[in-house]
Amino acid sequence: MPDQEAHISHSSPSHDVDASVAGKSLLFYWRAGWFFMLVIVLVRLAGIMFALNTYVRWGIVVAVFALYAWWLISRFKVALWTAVTAGIIVGAAGGVIITVFELIWYHEWWYILNFIRQPIITGAIGGAVGFMIFFLTTIFSRQTSKGGGLYGRTETR
């Protein structure tokens, strides 16, 4: 038995291992989502500075989330929960950045409460859009790859 004990490694499992969320590493989410997070933050900041309509701001943000989810699904062939998690992470991180800007822009201390509200709302919207885009791309890919019909069946006359 002393030979088996000699082969046991005493290193911690956290060494040289990147944290994994929904099957992908956090580095993957950062590399795939930094540009889209920047666009979302810039759209929200432009909306604050130039007093854009709230519906216009959120419409653009939803469109950016939809483009991000479609890009992940088409380029990396990610699974459902990876697409949802990517939207949540990008939305939550963008929400924190937006809250810091709002705190500086408005000079009101009650905006500290937005550190709770803003990442949750933006992350939830990102996750919901990722969920919907995943199912829409799944339905349309089945429709085009198997010859037609909503559920992939060929239609007869």
C-alpha atoms as a PDB file:
ATOM      1  CA  MET A   1       0.000   0.000   0.000  1.00  0.00           C
ATOM      2  CA  PRO A   2       2.862   2.475   0.385  1.00  0.00           C
ATOM      3  CA  ASP A   3       3.222   2.552  -3.424  1.00  0.00           C
ATOM      4  CA  GLN A   4      -0.369   3.750  -3.876  1.00  0.00           C
ATOM      5  CA  GLU A   5       0.104   6.506  -1.325  1.00  0.00           C
ATOM      6  CA  ALA A   6       3.180   7.734  -3.194  1.00  0.00           C
ATOM      7  CA  HIS A   7       1.095   8.362  -6.328  1.00  0.00           C
ATOM      8  CA  ILE A   8      -1.572  10.415  -4.593  1.00  0.00           C
ATOM      9  CA  SER A   9      -1.239  14.072  -5.390  1.00  0.00           C
ATOM     10  CA  HIS A  10      -1.629  16.465  -2.501  1.00  0.00           C
ATOM     11  CA  SER A  11      -2.519  19.460  -4.643  1.00  0.00           C
ATOM     12  CA  SER A  12      -5.770  21.262  -4.163  1.00  0.00           C
ATOM     13  CA  PRO A  13      -8.434  20.741  -6.827  1.00  0.00           C
ATOM     14  CA  SER A  14      -8.638  24.492  -7.348  1.00  0.00           C
ATOM     15  CA  HIS A  15      -5.101  24.725  -8.765  1.00  0.00           C
ATOM     16  CA  ASP A  16      -4.925  25.032 -12.561  1.00  0.00           C
ATOM     17  CA  VAL A  17      -8.686  24.640 -12.914  1.00  0.00           C
ATOM     18  CA  ASP A  18     -10.881  27.430 -14.226  1.00  0.00           C
ATOM     19  CA  ALA A  19     -14.321  27.761 -12.647  1.00  0.00           C
ATOM     20  CA  SER A  20     -17.019  26.232 -14.784  1.00  0.00           C
ATOM     21  CA  VAL A  21     -20.577  27.512 -15.098  1.00  0.00           C
ATOM     22  CA  ALA A  22     -23.112  25.638 -17.253  1.00  0.00           C
ATOM     23  CA  GLY A  23     -20.353  23.613 -18.880  1.00  0.00           C
ATOM     24  CA  LYS A  24     -18.148  26.532 -19.936  1.00  0.00           C
ATOM     25  CA  SER A  25     -15.329  28.320 -18.176  1.00  0.00           C
ATOM     26  CA  LEU A  26     -15.662  31.860 -16.890  1.00  0.00           C
ATOM     27  CA  LEU A  27     -12.902  32.803 -19.303  1.00  0.00           C
ATOM     28  CA  PHE A  28     -15.146  31.650 -22.171  1.00  0.00           C
ATOM     29  CA  TYR A  29     -17.969  33.916 -20.972  1.00  0.00           C
ATOM     30  CA  TRP A  30     -15.580  36.852 -20.668  1.00  0.00           C
ATOM     31  CA  ARG A  31     -13.991  36.352 -24.092  1.00  0.00           C
ATOM     32  CA  ALA A  32     -17.327  35.777 -25.803  1.00  0.00           C
ATOM     33  CA  GLY A  33     -19.263  38.520 -24.068  1.00  0.00           C
ATOM     34  CA  TRP A  34     -17.031  41.521 -23.379  1.00  0.00           C
ATOM     35  CA  PHE A  35     -17.926  43.291 -26.634  1.00  0.00           C
ATOM     36  CA  PHE A  36     -21.667  42.782 -26.207  1.00  0.00           C
ATOM     37  CA  MET A  37     -21.464  43.921 -22.592  1.00  0.00           C
ATOM     38  CA  LEU A  38     -19.670  47.070 -23.756  1.00  0.00           C
ATOM     39  CA  VAL A  39     -22.383  47.768 -26.344  1.00  0.00           C
ATOM     40  CA  ILE A  40     -25.142  47.278 -23.760  1.00  0.00           C
ATOM     41  CA  VAL A  41     -23.403  49.596 -21.302  1.00  0.00           C
ATOM     42  CA  LEU A  42     -22.836  52.252 -23.978  1.00  0.00           C
ATOM     43  CA  VAL A  43     -26.477  52.098 -25.086  1.00  0.00           C
ATOM     44  CA  ARG A  44     -27.700  52.476 -21.507  1.00  0.00           C
ATOM     45  CA  LEU A  45     -25.243  55.290 -20.789  1.00  0.00           C
ATOM     46  CA  ALA A  46     -26.219  57.134 -23.965  1.00  0.00           C
ATOM     47  CA  GLY A  47     -29.825  56.768 -22.900  1.00  0.00           C
ATOM     48  CA  ILE A  48     -29.059  58.322 -19.519  1.00  0.00           C
ATOM     49  CA  MET A  49     -26.952  61.170 -20.891  1.00  0.00           C
ATOM     50  CA  PHE A  50     -29.192  62.056 -23.829  1.00  0.00           C
ATOM     51  CA  ALA A  51     -32.509  61.262 -22.097  1.00  0.00           C
ATOM     52  CA  LEU A  52     -33.642  58.660 -24.615  1.00  0.00           C
ATOM     53  CA  ASN A  53     -37.031  57.071 -24.229  1.00  0.00           C
ATOM     54  CA  THR A  54     -36.933  54.121 -21.824  1.00  0.00           C
ATOM     55  CA  TYR A  55     -38.616  51.813 -24.324  1.00  0.00           C
ATOM     56  CA  VAL A  56     -36.092  52.694 -27.004  1.00  0.00           C
ATOM     57  CA  ARG A  57     -33.188  51.980 -24.635  1.00  0.00           C
ATOM     58  CA  TRP A  58     -34.553  48.618 -23.539  1.00  0.00           C
ATOM     59  CA  GLY A  59     -35.502  47.719 -27.110  1.00  0.00           C
ATOM     60  CA  ILE A  60     -31.926  48.237 -28.240  1.00  0.00           C
ATOM     61  CA  VAL A  61     -30.611  46.284 -25.236  1.00  0.00           C
ATOM     62  CA  VAL A  62     -32.941  43.358 -26.032  1.00  0.00           C
ATOM     63  CA  ALA A  63     -31.783  43.453 -29.667  1.00  0.00           C
ATOM     64  CA  VAL A  64     -28.134  43.321 -28.541  1.00  0.00           C
ATOM     65  CA  PHE A  65     -28.896  40.386 -26.222  1.00  0.00           C
ATOM     66  CA  ALA A  66     -30.674  38.614 -29.097  1.00  0.00           C
ATOM     67  CA  LEU A  67     -27.706  39.161 -31.400  1.00  0.00           C
ATOM     68  CA  TYR A  68     -25.347  37.891 -28.681  1.00  0.00           C
ATOM     69  CA  ALA A  69     -27.399  34.744 -28.079  1.00  0.00           C
ATOM     70  CA  TRP A  70     -27.712  34.054 -31.796  1.00  0.00           C
ATOM     71  CA  TRP A  71     -23.969  34.539 -32.249  1.00  0.00           C
ATOM     72  CA  LEU A  72     -23.161  32.128 -29.395  1.00  0.00           C
ATOM     73  CA  ILE A  73     -25.562  29.501 -30.665  1.00  0.00           C
ATOM     74  CA  SER A  74     -24.513  29.706 -34.301  1.00  0.00           C
ATOM     75  CA  ARG A  75     -20.768  30.038 -33.768  1.00  0.00           C
ATOM     76  CA  PHE A  76     -20.083  27.887 -30.701  1.00  0.00           C
ATOM     77  CA  LYS A  77     -23.123  25.551 -30.855  1.00  0.00           C
ATOM     78  CA  VAL A  78     -23.782  26.137 -27.153  1.00  0.00           C
ATOM     79  CA  ALA A  79     -26.471  24.328 -25.182  1.00  0.00           C
ATOM     80  CA  LEU A  80     -29.575  25.958 -23.738  1.00  0.00           C
ATOM     81  CA  TRP A  81     -28.229  26.651 -20.264  1.00  0.00           C
ATOM     82  CA  THR A  82     -24.981  28.011 -21.609  1.00  0.00           C
ATOM     83  CA  ALA A  83     -26.891  30.544 -23.734  1.00  0.00           C
ATOM     84  CA  VAL A  84     -29.054  31.516 -20.763  1.00  0.00           C
ATOM     85  CA  THR A  85     -26.062  31.752 -18.420  1.00  0.00           C
ATOM     86  CA  ALA A  86     -24.124  33.864 -20.909  1.00  0.00           C
ATOM     87  CA  GLY A  87     -26.991  36.349 -21.071  1.00  0.00           C
ATOM     88  CA  ILE A  88     -27.258  36.452 -17.285  1.00  0.00           C
ATOM     89  CA  ILE A  89     -23.516  37.003 -16.787  1.00  0.00           C
ATOM     90  CA  VAL A  90     -23.250  39.728 -19.433  1.00  0.00           C
ATOM     91  CA  GLY A  91     -26.404  41.403 -18.139  1.00  0.00           C
ATOM     92  CA  ALA A  92     -25.367  41.296 -14.485  1.00  0.00           C
ATOM     93  CA  ALA A  93     -21.863  42.583 -15.179  1.00  0.00           C
ATOM     94  CA  GLY A  94     -23.236  45.324 -17.417  1.00  0.00           C
ATOM     95  CA  GLY A  95     -25.779  46.208 -14.720  1.00  0.00           C
ATOM     96  CA  VAL A  96     -23.020  46.740 -12.163  1.00  0.00           C
ATOM     97  CA  ILE A  97     -21.131  49.041 -14.544  1.00  0.00           C
ATOM     98  CA  ILE A  98     -24.315  50.992 -15.320  1.00  0.00           C
ATOM     99  CA  THR A  99     -25.019  51.387 -11.605  1.00  0.00           C
ATOM    100  CA  VAL A 100     -21.550  52.800 -10.956  1.00  0.00           C
ATOM    101  CA  PHE A 101     -22.117  55.326 -13.736  1.00  0.00           C
ATOM    102  CA  GLU A 102     -25.569  56.264 -12.399  1.00  0.00           C
ATOM    103  CA  LEU A 103     -24.114  56.783  -8.934  1.00  0.00           C
ATOM    104  CA  ILE A 104     -21.511  59.161 -10.372  1.00  0.00           C
ATOM    105  CA  TRP A 105     -23.904  60.880 -12.812  1.00  0.00           C
ATOM    106  CA  TYR A 106     -26.797  61.562 -10.444  1.00  0.00           C
ATOM    107  CA  HIS A 107     -24.830  62.149  -7.186  1.00  0.00           C
ATOM    108  CA  GLU A 108     -27.589  60.607  -5.106  1.00  0.00           C
ATOM    109  CA  TRP A 109     -26.764  57.963  -2.540  1.00  0.00           C
ATOM    110  CA  TRP A 110     -29.965  56.006  -2.924  1.00  0.00           C
ATOM    111  CA  TYR A 111     -28.574  54.787  -6.273  1.00  0.00           C
ATOM    112  CA  ILE A 112     -26.483  52.410  -4.171  1.00  0.00           C
ATOM    113  CA  LEU A 113     -29.644  50.294  -4.032  1.00  0.00           C
ATOM    114  CA  ASN A 114     -29.308  49.886  -7.793  1.00  0.00           C
ATOM    115  CA  PHE A 115     -26.364  47.555  -7.119  1.00  0.00           C
ATOM    116  CA  ILE A 116     -29.060  45.047  -6.220  1.00  0.00           C
ATOM    117  CA  ARG A 117     -31.779  45.980  -8.717  1.00  0.00           C
ATOM    118  CA  GLN A 118     -29.923  46.780 -11.935  1.00  0.00           C
ATOM    119  CA  PRO A 119     -27.818  43.595 -12.304  1.00  0.00           C
ATOM    120  CA  ILE A 120     -30.819  41.418 -11.469  1.00  0.00           C
ATOM    121  CA  ILE A 121     -33.102  43.105 -14.007  1.00  0.00           C
ATOM    122  CA  THR A 122     -30.511  43.296 -16.788  1.00  0.00           C
ATOM    123  CA  GLY A 123     -29.321  39.732 -16.114  1.00  0.00           C
ATOM    124  CA  ALA A 124     -32.889  38.409 -16.112  1.00  0.00           C
ATOM    125  CA  ILE A 125     -33.583  40.091 -19.442  1.00  0.00           C
ATOM    126  CA  GLY A 126     -30.351  38.658 -20.872  1.00  0.00           C
ATOM    127  CA  GLY A 127     -31.219  35.159 -19.657  1.00  0.00           C
ATOM    128  CA  ALA A 128     -34.789  35.358 -20.964  1.00  0.00           C
ATOM    129  CA  VAL A 129     -33.647  36.578 -24.377  1.00  0.00           C
ATOM    130  CA  GLY A 130     -31.020  33.807 -24.519  1.00  0.00           C
ATOM    131  CA  PHE A 131     -33.743  31.281 -23.672  1.00  0.00           C
ATOM    132  CA  MET A 132     -36.081  32.545 -26.406  1.00  0.00           C
ATOM    133  CA  ILE A 133     -33.384  32.824 -29.074  1.00  0.00           C
ATOM    134  CA  PHE A 134     -32.192  29.286 -28.339  1.00  0.00           C
ATOM    135  CA  PHE A 135     -35.655  27.872 -28.934  1.00  0.00           C
ATOM    136  CA  LEU A 136     -36.281  30.019 -31.998  1.00  0.00           C
ATOM    137  CA  THR A 137     -33.011  28.944 -33.597  1.00  0.00           C
ATOM    138  CA  THR A 138     -33.763  25.322 -32.684  1.00  0.00           C
ATOM    139  CA  ILE A 139     -37.188  25.478 -34.322  1.00  0.00           C
ATOM    140  CA  PHE A 140     -35.924  27.211 -37.460  1.00  0.00           C
ATOM    141  CA  SER A 141     -32.881  24.966 -37.822  1.00  0.00           C
ATOM    142  CA  ARG A 142     -35.124  21.895 -37.652  1.00  0.00           C
ATOM    143  CA  GLN A 143     -37.434  23.454 -40.180  1.00  0.00           C
ATOM    144  CA  THR A 144     -34.711  24.139 -42.732  1.00  0.00           C
ATOM    145  CA  SER A 145     -32.599  21.026 -42.150  1.00  0.00           C
ATOM    146  CA  LYS A 146     -35.362  18.431 -42.520  1.00  0.00           C
ATOM    147  CA  GLY A 147     -37.302  19.872 -45.375  1.00  0.00           C
ATOM    148  CA  GLY A 148     -40.030  22.002 -43.870  1.00  0.00           C
ATOM    149  CA  GLY A 149     -42.835  21.981 -41.369  1.00  0.00           C
ATOM    150  CA  LEU A 150     -42.791  23.552 -37.954  1.00  0.00           C
ATOM    151  CA  TYR A 151     -41.575  20.401 -36.230  1.00  0.00           C
ATOM    152  CA  GLY A 152     -39.202  19.238 -38.933  1.00  0.00           C
ATOM    153  CA  ARG A 153     -41.669  17.080 -40.838  1.00  0.00           C
ATOM    154  CA  THR A 154     -42.081  17.364 -44.561  1.00  0.00           C
ATOM    155  CA  GLU A 155     -45.491  18.591 -45.540  1.00  0.00           C
ATOM    156  CA  THR A 156     -47.568  16.595 -47.996  1.00  0.00           C
ATOM    157  CA  ARG A 157     -50.179  17.964 -50.339  1.00  0.00           C
END
